Amino acid sequence: MSTAQRIADLVRCSLARGEQAWLVGGAVRDAQMGRPSDDLDFVVHGDAGRLARVMADRAGGAVFRYSERFSTHRVVHAAGHADFAPLRGESLAADLAARDFTVNALAQDVGTGELIDPLGGRADLQARRLRLCAPDALVADPVRIMRLVRLRHALEFEPEPRAVEAARAAAEGLTSVSGERLERELSALLGLPVPASAVRDLDGLGALVHVVPELAALKGVSQNPYHHLDVFEHTLEALEHLPGVVAQLGGERYLVDPQQLGLAAAGALVPLAYAVLLHDLGKPSIKKVDEEGRILFWHHDEVGAAMAVAVARRLKMSRRMEVFLALLVRQHLRLGFLVREAPLTPRALARYRRDVEPYVFESVALSLADRMATRGPSTPAVAIARHFRLAREIWTEVAKQPAALPLDGEQVMALLGLEPGPRVGAALDALREEVEAGEVAGAAEARAYLLLWSHRRRAEPTCEGDGS
């Protein structure tokens, strides 16, 4: 028995006298297509909140108010979640007619099992067609434009021409959609097998400029001869390379859990896909052409890091996601510079690792995806191979986890006579570099090294009191 059927049976047993409930939307659509679904939506003729609370008790889950706008309650259980909302409108037919696409306007009565299809959704499923439930469906909720793109690529359905025209006409309405909702839909797009194509479709509908205008601004920004594409197309090509790069470096198991970054429902690649998508945001604003006609993007990594944080804040992402994006965008050029210095010393490898941890894997993968999308006429044929070799060396030869230090902060303060503050952190960073480079092992060597390090620091000249 499927998860959907088990939960529907529990709902049927939990209805009060005179109540009715229907499973609606994507779960019914997926069942018709023979696809499993653990994302369940029920509409209730009765007290949706009471039903959700009873369901949470019976399913051993938790319940909370998910949407104030639609009075929706979400029950989170071991196999997924289920949403319970009161009927919108006077009848089930009115509720279904107010939805986005006919393939999502299917319902199944939990009491009788009857399939209800007032808008011809089953025929559209067979035709693999996305048809609007109503001409103004996208105006009523512009975020459905992003859903149209997602369903097109996730289900391989083709939107009817009128839906495409309606999406273009309603695209500007996305500026009024909350950041949280935009983030959810954008994360769903980036979790698709071909996210670059989905982003390109979003742009083709005139919607991207209203979701991430900084990304749309990359279009037409030409680059130096080491690139074969403008900044926008380069970004999308890097995104296309990302799944293959991650697989070649060892797979998704090394990626940070999206939940740790506040992206609870996102796929494993989504946080890194955001970093790839935003890594060159700084280029348009700082582009320069020197006297010899060379195109320069000095410090676009720093400028881009600040812009990526601004995007994250507008999309109401977590503070942890802001830090993640800022670090990766700021460091995305670093590995490319190190290629020119190869072979690297253990100390140089450890220093790179320290500067990008705890996102070493993500940093290496971003750099490699970026490099693989840089194939201009001035790029030597062996350059990408050298970059890939160094990326693999860093990931395979540098420890996956930070080295354990032989002394902790309290011991360092006692040894060097320091009070809590930035000098303690600097001492620990210096010690970590030596440990990871294999130069220091054990507490005795650590003490000897730190005493020498402290002596050298005190002997360094400072600018204090010189009036500069």
Protein backbone atom coordinates (compact mmCIF):
# COMPACT_ATOMS: atom_id res chain seq x y z
CA MET A 1 0.00 0.00 0.00
CA SER A 2 1.33 3.44 -0.92
CA THR A 3 1.98 6.21 1.59
CA ALA A 4 -0.81 8.26 0.02
CA GLN A 5 -3.30 5.41 0.44
CA ARG A 6 -2.28 4.74 4.05
CA ILE A 7 -2.69 8.41 5.01
CA ALA A 8 -5.97 8.65 3.08
CA ASP A 9 -7.31 5.64 5.02
CA LEU A 10 -6.35 7.33 8.30
CA VAL A 11 -8.08 10.52 7.18
CA ARG A 12 -11.26 8.57 6.36
CA CYS A 13 -11.28 7.06 9.83
CA SER A 14 -10.69 10.47 11.42
CA LEU A 15 -13.58 12.37 9.81
CA ALA A 16 -16.28 13.70 12.11
CA ARG A 17 -19.95 13.25 11.31
CA GLY A 18 -20.92 15.37 8.30
CA GLU A 19 -17.32 16.04 7.22
CA GLN A 20 -15.82 15.20 3.84
CA ALA A 21 -12.22 15.22 2.65
CA TRP A 22 -10.52 14.81 -0.69
CA LEU A 23 -6.92 14.13 -1.66
CA VAL A 24 -6.11 16.75 -4.30
CA GLY A 25 -3.39 18.05 -6.59
CA GLY A 26 0.02 16.54 -7.24
CA ALA A 27 -0.45 13.31 -5.29
CA VAL A 28 -3.53 12.41 -7.36
CA ARG A 29 -1.76 13.44 -10.56
CA ASP A 30 1.27 11.32 -9.69
CA ALA A 31 -0.89 8.32 -8.79
CA GLN A 32 -2.51 8.52 -12.23
CA MET A 33 0.99 8.50 -13.75
CA GLY A 34 2.16 5.58 -11.59
CA ARG A 35 4.56 7.78 -9.63
CA PRO A 36 4.95 7.66 -5.83
CA SER A 37 4.28 10.83 -3.83
CA ASP A 38 4.83 11.69 -0.17
CA ASP A 39 3.64 15.31 -0.56
CA LEU A 40 -0.07 15.05 0.20
CA ASP A 41 -2.74 17.77 0.09
CA PHE A 42 -6.24 17.32 1.48
CA VAL A 43 -9.16 19.72 1.27
CA VAL A 44 -11.77 19.41 3.96
CA HIS A 45 -15.44 20.23 4.13
CA GLY A 46 -15.41 20.66 7.91
CA ASP A 47 -12.82 21.57 10.54
CA ALA A 48 -9.44 21.19 8.82
CA GLY A 49 -7.50 22.11 11.96
CA ARG A 50 -9.24 19.49 14.10
CA LEU A 51 -8.70 16.84 11.44
CA ALA A 52 -5.00 17.72 11.19
CA ARG A 53 -4.55 17.42 14.96
CA VAL A 54 -6.26 14.03 15.05
CA MET A 55 -4.13 12.88 12.12
CA ALA A 56 -0.94 13.99 13.84
CA ASP A 57 -1.87 11.89 16.87
CA ARG A 58 -2.75 8.84 14.82
CA ALA A 59 0.30 9.09 12.52
CA GLY A 60 2.68 9.81 15.38
CA GLY A 61 3.62 13.16 13.87
CA ALA A 62 3.55 16.87 14.65
CA VAL A 63 1.17 19.56 13.42
CA PHE A 64 1.53 23.30 12.86
CA ARG A 65 -0.19 26.12 10.99
CA TYR A 66 1.53 26.19 7.59
CA SER A 67 -0.35 28.92 5.73
CA GLU A 68 -2.31 31.69 7.39
CA ARG A 69 -3.63 32.78 3.98
CA PHE A 70 -5.39 29.47 3.33
CA SER A 71 -5.75 28.28 6.95
CA THR A 72 -3.64 25.27 6.08
CA HIS A 73 -2.32 22.90 8.75
CA ARG A 74 0.68 20.67 8.04
CA VAL A 75 1.17 17.27 9.64
CA VAL A 76 4.77 16.06 9.54
CA HIS A 77 5.07 12.29 9.89
CA ALA A 78 7.74 9.64 9.38
CA ALA A 79 7.02 9.17 5.66
CA GLY A 80 6.63 12.83 4.69
CA HIS A 81 3.98 15.43 5.33
CA ALA A 82 0.31 16.07 4.64
CA ASP A 83 -1.46 19.43 4.39
CA PHE A 84 -5.08 20.00 5.41
CA ALA A 85 -6.99 23.06 4.19
CA PRO A 86 -10.66 24.02 4.16
CA LEU A 87 -12.47 24.19 0.84
CA ARG A 88 -11.82 27.38 -1.09
CA GLY A 89 -15.17 28.40 -2.43
CA GLU A 90 -18.59 26.89 -1.93
CA SER A 91 -17.83 23.47 -3.39
CA LEU A 92 -15.08 21.10 -4.42
CA ALA A 93 -15.62 22.10 -8.05
CA ALA A 94 -15.03 25.75 -7.17
CA ASP A 95 -11.91 24.83 -5.20
CA LEU A 96 -10.45 22.85 -8.11
CA ALA A 97 -11.31 25.56 -10.62
CA ALA A 98 -9.21 28.04 -8.59
CA ARG A 99 -6.05 25.94 -8.95
CA ASP A 100 -3.18 26.36 -11.40
CA PHE A 101 -3.20 23.61 -14.05
CA THR A 102 -5.81 21.04 -14.94
CA VAL A 103 -3.42 18.16 -14.23
CA ASN A 104 -3.31 19.46 -10.64
CA ALA A 105 -7.08 19.90 -10.44
CA LEU A 106 -7.83 16.23 -9.82
CA ALA A 107 -9.33 14.99 -6.56
CA GLN A 108 -9.99 11.64 -4.92
CA ASP A 109 -12.72 11.23 -2.33
CA VAL A 110 -11.11 9.60 0.72
CA GLY A 111 -14.43 8.02 1.66
CA THR A 112 -15.40 6.40 -1.64
CA GLY A 113 -12.14 6.48 -3.60
CA GLU A 114 -13.96 8.20 -6.48
CA LEU A 115 -11.74 10.18 -8.85
CA ILE A 116 -13.14 13.64 -9.55
CA ASP A 117 -12.03 15.44 -12.72
CA PRO A 118 -14.19 18.47 -13.53
CA LEU A 119 -11.67 20.20 -15.84
CA GLY A 120 -10.40 17.40 -18.04
CA GLY A 121 -7.11 16.88 -16.20
CA ARG A 122 -6.88 13.18 -17.06
CA ALA A 123 -7.05 13.94 -20.78
CA ASP A 124 -4.28 16.53 -20.35
CA LEU A 125 -2.19 13.97 -18.47
CA GLN A 126 -2.52 11.57 -21.40
CA ALA A 127 -1.63 14.35 -23.82
CA ARG A 128 1.26 15.47 -21.57
CA ARG A 129 -0.12 18.99 -21.71
CA LEU A 130 -0.09 21.86 -19.18
CA ARG A 131 -3.35 23.75 -19.46
CA LEU A 132 -4.52 26.53 -17.15
CA CYS A 133 -7.57 25.96 -14.99
CA ALA A 134 -8.69 29.52 -15.72
CA PRO A 135 -7.40 32.31 -18.00
CA ASP A 136 -6.40 34.43 -14.98
CA ALA A 137 -4.78 31.60 -12.98
CA LEU A 138 -1.29 33.09 -13.28
CA VAL A 139 -2.43 36.62 -12.51
CA ALA A 140 -4.15 35.32 -9.38
CA ASP A 141 -0.84 33.81 -8.19
CA PRO A 142 2.24 34.70 -10.30
CA VAL A 143 4.47 32.14 -8.56
CA ARG A 144 2.59 29.61 -10.68
CA ILE A 145 4.76 30.81 -13.57
CA MET A 146 7.74 29.21 -11.86
CA ARG A 147 5.65 26.11 -11.23
CA LEU A 148 4.82 25.94 -14.94
CA VAL A 149 8.54 25.82 -15.73
CA ARG A 150 9.17 23.23 -13.04
CA LEU A 151 6.35 20.93 -14.17
CA ARG A 152 7.41 21.24 -17.78
CA HIS A 153 10.87 19.89 -16.95
CA ALA A 154 9.98 17.53 -14.10
CA LEU A 155 7.11 15.83 -15.97
CA GLU A 156 8.24 16.56 -19.53
CA PHE A 157 4.86 18.15 -20.26
CA GLU A 158 4.39 20.88 -22.83
CA PRO A 159 2.50 24.03 -21.82
CA GLU A 160 -0.23 25.05 -24.23
CA PRO A 161 0.45 28.29 -26.14
CA ARG A 162 -2.16 30.21 -24.15
CA ALA A 163 -0.42 29.27 -20.92
CA VAL A 164 2.92 30.54 -22.27
CA GLU A 165 1.33 33.82 -23.37
CA ALA A 166 -0.36 34.19 -19.99
CA ALA A 167 2.94 33.55 -18.21
CA ARG A 168 4.70 36.30 -20.15
CA ALA A 169 1.84 38.70 -19.47
CA ALA A 170 1.80 37.94 -15.73
CA ALA A 171 5.58 37.78 -15.15
CA GLU A 172 5.87 41.25 -13.65
CA GLY A 173 3.56 40.14 -10.86
CA LEU A 174 6.41 38.05 -9.44
CA THR A 175 7.85 41.24 -7.94
CA SER A 176 4.99 41.18 -5.40
CA VAL A 177 5.53 37.54 -4.35
CA SER A 178 7.14 36.98 -0.96
CA GLY A 179 10.80 35.99 -0.81
CA GLU A 180 9.98 32.74 0.98
CA ARG A 181 7.71 31.55 -1.84
CA LEU A 182 10.18 32.58 -4.53
CA GLU A 183 12.93 30.68 -2.73
CA ARG A 184 10.84 27.51 -2.48
CA GLU A 185 10.05 27.51 -6.18
CA LEU A 186 13.57 28.51 -7.24
CA SER A 187 15.02 25.76 -5.03
CA ALA A 188 12.65 23.28 -6.67
CA LEU A 189 13.86 24.41 -10.11
CA LEU A 190 17.50 24.05 -9.08
CA GLY A 191 16.75 20.55 -7.81
CA LEU A 192 15.68 19.38 -11.27
CA PRO A 193 17.96 17.08 -13.30
CA VAL A 194 18.48 19.92 -15.83
CA PRO A 195 18.28 23.14 -13.79
CA ALA A 196 20.10 25.25 -16.41
CA SER A 197 17.35 24.60 -18.95
CA ALA A 198 14.72 25.53 -16.38
CA VAL A 199 16.49 28.82 -15.58
CA ARG A 200 16.73 29.56 -19.32
CA ASP A 201 12.99 28.89 -19.68
CA LEU A 202 12.27 31.21 -16.76
CA ASP A 203 14.24 33.90 -18.55
CA GLY A 204 12.45 33.18 -21.82
CA LEU A 205 9.12 33.91 -20.12
CA GLY A 206 10.43 37.27 -18.89
CA ALA A 207 10.23 36.03 -15.30
CA LEU A 208 13.89 35.72 -14.28
CA VAL A 209 14.38 39.49 -14.14
CA HIS A 210 11.62 39.66 -11.52
CA VAL A 211 12.98 36.77 -9.44
CA VAL A 212 16.76 37.36 -9.50
CA PRO A 213 17.34 40.58 -11.48
CA GLU A 214 21.08 40.37 -10.74
CA LEU A 215 21.22 37.13 -12.70
CA ALA A 216 19.32 38.54 -15.66
CA ALA A 217 21.83 41.44 -15.71
CA LEU A 218 24.57 38.97 -16.73
CA LYS A 219 23.05 38.60 -20.20
CA GLY A 220 25.16 40.13 -22.95
CA VAL A 221 28.14 40.89 -20.68
CA SER A 222 31.07 39.87 -22.89
CA GLN A 223 34.26 38.40 -21.43
CA ASN A 224 37.93 38.02 -22.32
CA PRO A 225 39.20 35.51 -24.92
CA TYR A 226 39.59 32.83 -22.24
CA HIS A 227 35.79 32.56 -22.31
CA HIS A 228 33.61 31.41 -25.18
CA LEU A 229 30.32 32.70 -23.77
CA ASP A 230 28.94 35.84 -22.15
CA VAL A 231 28.59 35.81 -18.38
CA PHE A 232 24.99 34.59 -18.38
CA GLU A 233 25.54 31.66 -20.72
CA HIS A 234 28.82 30.83 -18.96
CA THR A 235 26.91 30.63 -15.67
CA LEU A 236 24.31 28.29 -17.12
CA GLU A 237 26.98 26.09 -18.69
CA ALA A 238 28.74 25.85 -15.31
CA LEU A 239 25.40 24.79 -13.83
CA GLU A 240 25.09 22.10 -16.51
CA HIS A 241 28.51 20.71 -15.58
CA LEU A 242 27.78 20.64 -11.85
CA PRO A 243 26.15 17.17 -11.47
CA GLY A 244 28.97 15.52 -13.43
CA VAL A 245 31.65 17.34 -11.45
CA VAL A 246 30.13 16.28 -8.13
CA ALA A 247 29.87 12.68 -9.32
CA GLN A 248 33.52 12.61 -10.44
CA LEU A 249 34.71 14.01 -7.11
CA GLY A 250 32.99 11.29 -5.14
CA GLY A 251 29.27 12.02 -5.19
CA GLU A 252 26.56 13.85 -3.28
CA ARG A 253 27.45 12.15 0.01
CA TYR A 254 30.15 14.79 0.53
CA LEU A 255 27.78 17.74 0.09
CA VAL A 256 26.48 19.74 3.02
CA ASP A 257 22.95 18.71 4.03
CA PRO A 258 20.54 21.37 2.67
CA GLN A 259 18.66 21.24 5.98
CA GLN A 260 21.76 22.55 7.76
CA LEU A 261 21.51 25.65 5.57
CA GLY A 262 17.79 26.15 6.09
CA LEU A 263 16.69 24.58 2.78
CA ALA A 264 14.62 21.84 4.36
CA ALA A 265 12.85 20.48 1.28
CA ALA A 266 15.65 21.03 -1.24
CA GLY A 267 17.59 18.40 -3.15
CA ALA A 268 21.18 17.57 -2.29
CA LEU A 269 22.71 19.68 -5.08
CA VAL A 270 20.58 22.77 -4.51
CA PRO A 271 22.83 24.78 -2.13
CA LEU A 272 25.83 24.33 -4.42
CA ALA A 273 23.66 25.09 -7.47
CA TYR A 274 22.81 28.45 -5.88
CA ALA A 275 26.53 29.17 -5.46
CA VAL A 276 27.20 28.33 -9.11
CA LEU A 277 24.26 30.43 -10.22
CA LEU A 278 25.45 33.47 -8.27
CA HIS A 279 29.24 33.14 -8.52
CA ASP A 280 29.75 35.83 -11.19
CA LEU A 281 27.11 38.36 -10.12
CA GLY A 282 29.79 40.99 -9.53
CA LYS A 283 31.07 41.09 -13.11
CA PRO A 284 28.68 43.57 -14.77
CA SER A 285 29.18 46.34 -12.22
CA ILE A 286 33.00 46.25 -12.20
CA LYS A 287 33.77 45.40 -15.84
CA LYS A 288 36.67 47.47 -17.22
CA VAL A 289 38.47 47.61 -20.56
CA ASP A 290 42.10 48.71 -20.28
CA GLU A 291 44.14 50.73 -22.78
CA GLU A 292 45.13 47.59 -24.63
CA GLY A 293 41.51 46.50 -25.00
CA ARG A 294 41.65 43.77 -22.41
CA ILE A 295 38.43 43.04 -20.49
CA LEU A 296 39.03 43.01 -16.72
CA PHE A 297 36.83 41.98 -13.80
CA TRP A 298 39.07 42.87 -10.87
CA HIS A 299 37.57 42.00 -7.47
CA HIS A 300 34.33 40.63 -8.93
CA ASP A 301 34.63 37.83 -6.37
CA GLU A 302 34.36 40.25 -3.43
CA VAL A 303 31.63 42.32 -5.08
CA GLY A 304 29.77 39.16 -6.05
CA ALA A 305 29.92 37.76 -2.52
CA ALA A 306 28.12 40.85 -1.18
CA MET A 307 25.55 40.63 -3.98
CA ALA A 308 24.93 36.94 -3.30
CA VAL A 309 24.21 37.74 0.34
CA ALA A 310 21.77 40.45 -0.76
CA VAL A 311 19.95 37.92 -2.98
CA ALA A 312 19.81 35.42 -0.11
CA ARG A 313 18.33 38.03 2.21
CA ARG A 314 15.72 39.05 -0.33
CA LEU A 315 14.73 35.39 -0.68
CA LYS A 316 14.55 35.12 3.14
CA MET A 317 17.23 32.45 3.29
CA SER A 318 18.92 31.52 6.55
CA ARG A 319 21.97 33.27 7.94
CA ARG A 320 23.86 30.00 7.44
CA MET A 321 23.00 30.05 3.74
CA GLU A 322 24.24 33.64 3.49
CA VAL A 323 27.59 32.59 5.00
CA PHE A 324 27.77 29.57 2.67
CA LEU A 325 27.18 31.66 -0.45
CA ALA A 326 29.51 34.47 0.60
CA LEU A 327 32.37 32.08 1.27
CA LEU A 328 32.03 30.12 -1.96
CA VAL A 329 31.57 33.15 -4.20
CA ARG A 330 34.46 35.01 -2.55
CA GLN A 331 36.77 32.00 -2.94
CA HIS A 332 35.67 30.74 -6.36
CA LEU A 333 38.82 32.03 -8.15
CA ARG A 334 41.25 30.68 -5.58
CA LEU A 335 41.78 27.19 -6.96
CA GLY A 336 42.38 28.56 -10.46
CA PHE A 337 45.19 30.74 -9.12
CA LEU A 338 46.71 27.73 -7.34
CA VAL A 339 46.84 25.78 -10.61
CA ARG A 340 49.57 28.17 -11.77
CA GLU A 341 51.63 27.35 -8.66
CA ALA A 342 51.36 23.55 -8.88
CA PRO A 343 52.81 21.32 -7.56
CA LEU A 344 51.65 22.71 -4.24
CA THR A 345 53.33 22.22 -0.90
CA PRO A 346 51.42 20.52 1.91
CA ARG A 347 51.26 23.90 3.65
CA ALA A 348 49.63 25.57 0.61
CA LEU A 349 47.08 22.75 0.39
CA ALA A 350 46.31 23.07 4.10
CA ARG A 351 45.98 26.87 3.84
CA TYR A 352 43.45 26.55 1.00
CA ARG A 353 41.49 23.99 2.95
CA ARG A 354 41.46 26.15 6.07
CA ASP A 355 40.18 29.17 4.11
CA VAL A 356 37.23 27.31 2.58
CA GLU A 357 36.25 24.90 5.37
CA PRO A 358 33.79 23.55 6.22
CA TYR A 359 32.82 23.67 2.54
CA VAL A 360 35.99 22.22 0.97
CA PHE A 361 34.12 19.86 -1.33
CA GLU A 362 31.70 22.55 -2.48
CA SER A 363 34.53 25.01 -3.13
CA VAL A 364 36.46 22.51 -5.26
CA ALA A 365 33.33 21.51 -7.18
CA LEU A 366 32.31 25.12 -7.86
CA SER A 367 35.79 25.99 -9.11
CA LEU A 368 35.87 22.99 -11.41
CA ALA A 369 32.37 23.61 -12.84
CA ASP A 370 33.38 27.23 -13.43
CA ARG A 371 36.59 26.15 -15.18
CA MET A 372 34.87 23.59 -17.39
CA ALA A 373 32.56 26.35 -18.65
CA THR A 374 35.58 28.50 -19.64
CA ARG A 375 36.76 27.33 -23.05
CA GLY A 376 37.64 30.39 -25.08
CA PRO A 377 40.14 30.57 -27.97
CA SER A 378 42.96 31.65 -25.60
CA THR A 379 42.41 28.73 -23.22
CA PRO A 380 45.17 26.10 -23.62
CA ALA A 381 43.88 22.62 -24.30
CA VAL A 382 45.63 21.24 -21.22
CA ALA A 383 44.39 23.97 -18.84
CA ILE A 384 41.18 22.22 -17.86
CA ALA A 385 43.03 18.93 -17.35
CA ARG A 386 45.51 20.65 -14.99
CA HIS A 387 42.67 22.28 -13.09
CA PHE A 388 40.82 18.99 -12.73
CA ARG A 389 43.99 17.21 -11.60
CA LEU A 390 44.61 19.77 -8.87
CA ALA A 391 40.95 19.68 -7.79
CA ARG A 392 41.13 15.91 -7.36
CA GLU A 393 44.47 16.20 -5.56
CA ILE A 394 43.08 18.69 -3.07
CA TRP A 395 39.98 16.65 -2.41
CA THR A 396 41.66 13.25 -2.21
CA GLU A 397 44.96 14.17 -0.51
CA VAL A 398 43.77 16.77 1.98
CA ALA A 399 41.89 15.34 4.96
CA LYS A 400 38.12 15.50 4.54
CA GLN A 401 37.71 16.78 8.10
CA PRO A 402 39.73 19.49 9.89
CA ALA A 403 42.72 18.10 11.76
CA ALA A 404 42.36 17.70 15.52
CA LEU A 405 44.65 20.16 17.27
CA PRO A 406 46.96 18.95 20.06
CA LEU A 407 46.17 22.11 22.11
CA ASP A 408 42.84 23.86 22.68
CA GLY A 409 42.13 27.56 23.12
CA GLU A 410 42.48 27.50 26.90
CA GLN A 411 45.87 25.84 26.67
CA VAL A 412 47.04 28.33 24.02
CA MET A 413 45.99 31.27 26.21
CA ALA A 414 47.84 29.84 29.19
CA LEU A 415 50.96 29.12 27.14
CA LEU A 416 51.15 32.55 25.50
CA GLY A 417 49.65 34.62 28.29
CA LEU A 418 46.75 35.80 26.13
CA GLU A 419 43.27 37.01 27.00
CA PRO A 420 40.28 35.81 24.93
CA GLY A 421 40.28 37.62 21.59
CA PRO A 422 41.40 37.54 17.94
CA ARG A 423 45.05 36.72 18.79
CA VAL A 424 43.94 33.37 20.19
CA GLY A 425 42.13 32.61 16.94
CA ALA A 426 45.19 33.64 14.92
CA ALA A 427 47.38 31.32 17.01
CA LEU A 428 44.99 28.40 16.53
CA ASP A 429 44.81 29.06 12.77
CA ALA A 430 48.61 29.10 12.52
CA LEU A 431 48.85 25.90 14.54
CA ARG A 432 46.19 24.19 12.41
CA GLU A 433 48.12 25.04 9.23
CA GLU A 434 51.26 23.43 10.61
CA VAL A 435 49.39 20.34 11.82
CA GLU A 436 47.63 19.85 8.46
CA ALA A 437 50.93 20.40 6.62
CA GLY A 438 52.48 17.62 8.71
CA GLU A 439 55.04 19.93 10.33
CA VAL A 440 53.71 19.66 13.88
CA ALA A 441 52.59 16.51 15.69
CA GLY A 442 51.76 16.24 19.38
CA ALA A 443 51.44 18.72 22.23
CA ALA A 444 55.17 19.22 22.79
CA GLU A 445 55.84 20.22 19.18
CA ALA A 446 52.72 22.42 19.24
CA ARG A 447 53.98 24.32 22.31
CA ALA A 448 57.42 24.80 20.78
CA TYR A 449 55.91 26.04 17.53
CA LEU A 450 53.52 28.50 19.20
CA LEU A 451 56.26 29.98 21.38
CA LEU A 452 58.37 30.60 18.27
CA TRP A 453 55.32 31.94 16.40
CA SER A 454 54.52 34.33 19.24
CA HIS A 455 58.13 35.53 19.45
CA ARG A 456 58.15 36.26 15.71
CA ARG A 457 54.85 38.10 15.94
CA ARG A 458 56.16 40.35 18.70
CA ALA A 459 59.29 41.08 16.67
CA GLU A 460 57.34 42.18 13.59
CA PRO A 461 57.25 45.98 13.04
CA THR A 462 53.89 47.70 13.46
CA CYS A 463 52.43 50.98 12.26
CA GLU A 464 51.16 51.96 15.70
CA GLY A 465 52.04 55.55 16.61
CA ASP A 466 53.71 56.43 13.28
CA GLY A 467 50.86 58.71 12.22
CA SER A 468 49.94 56.65 9.18
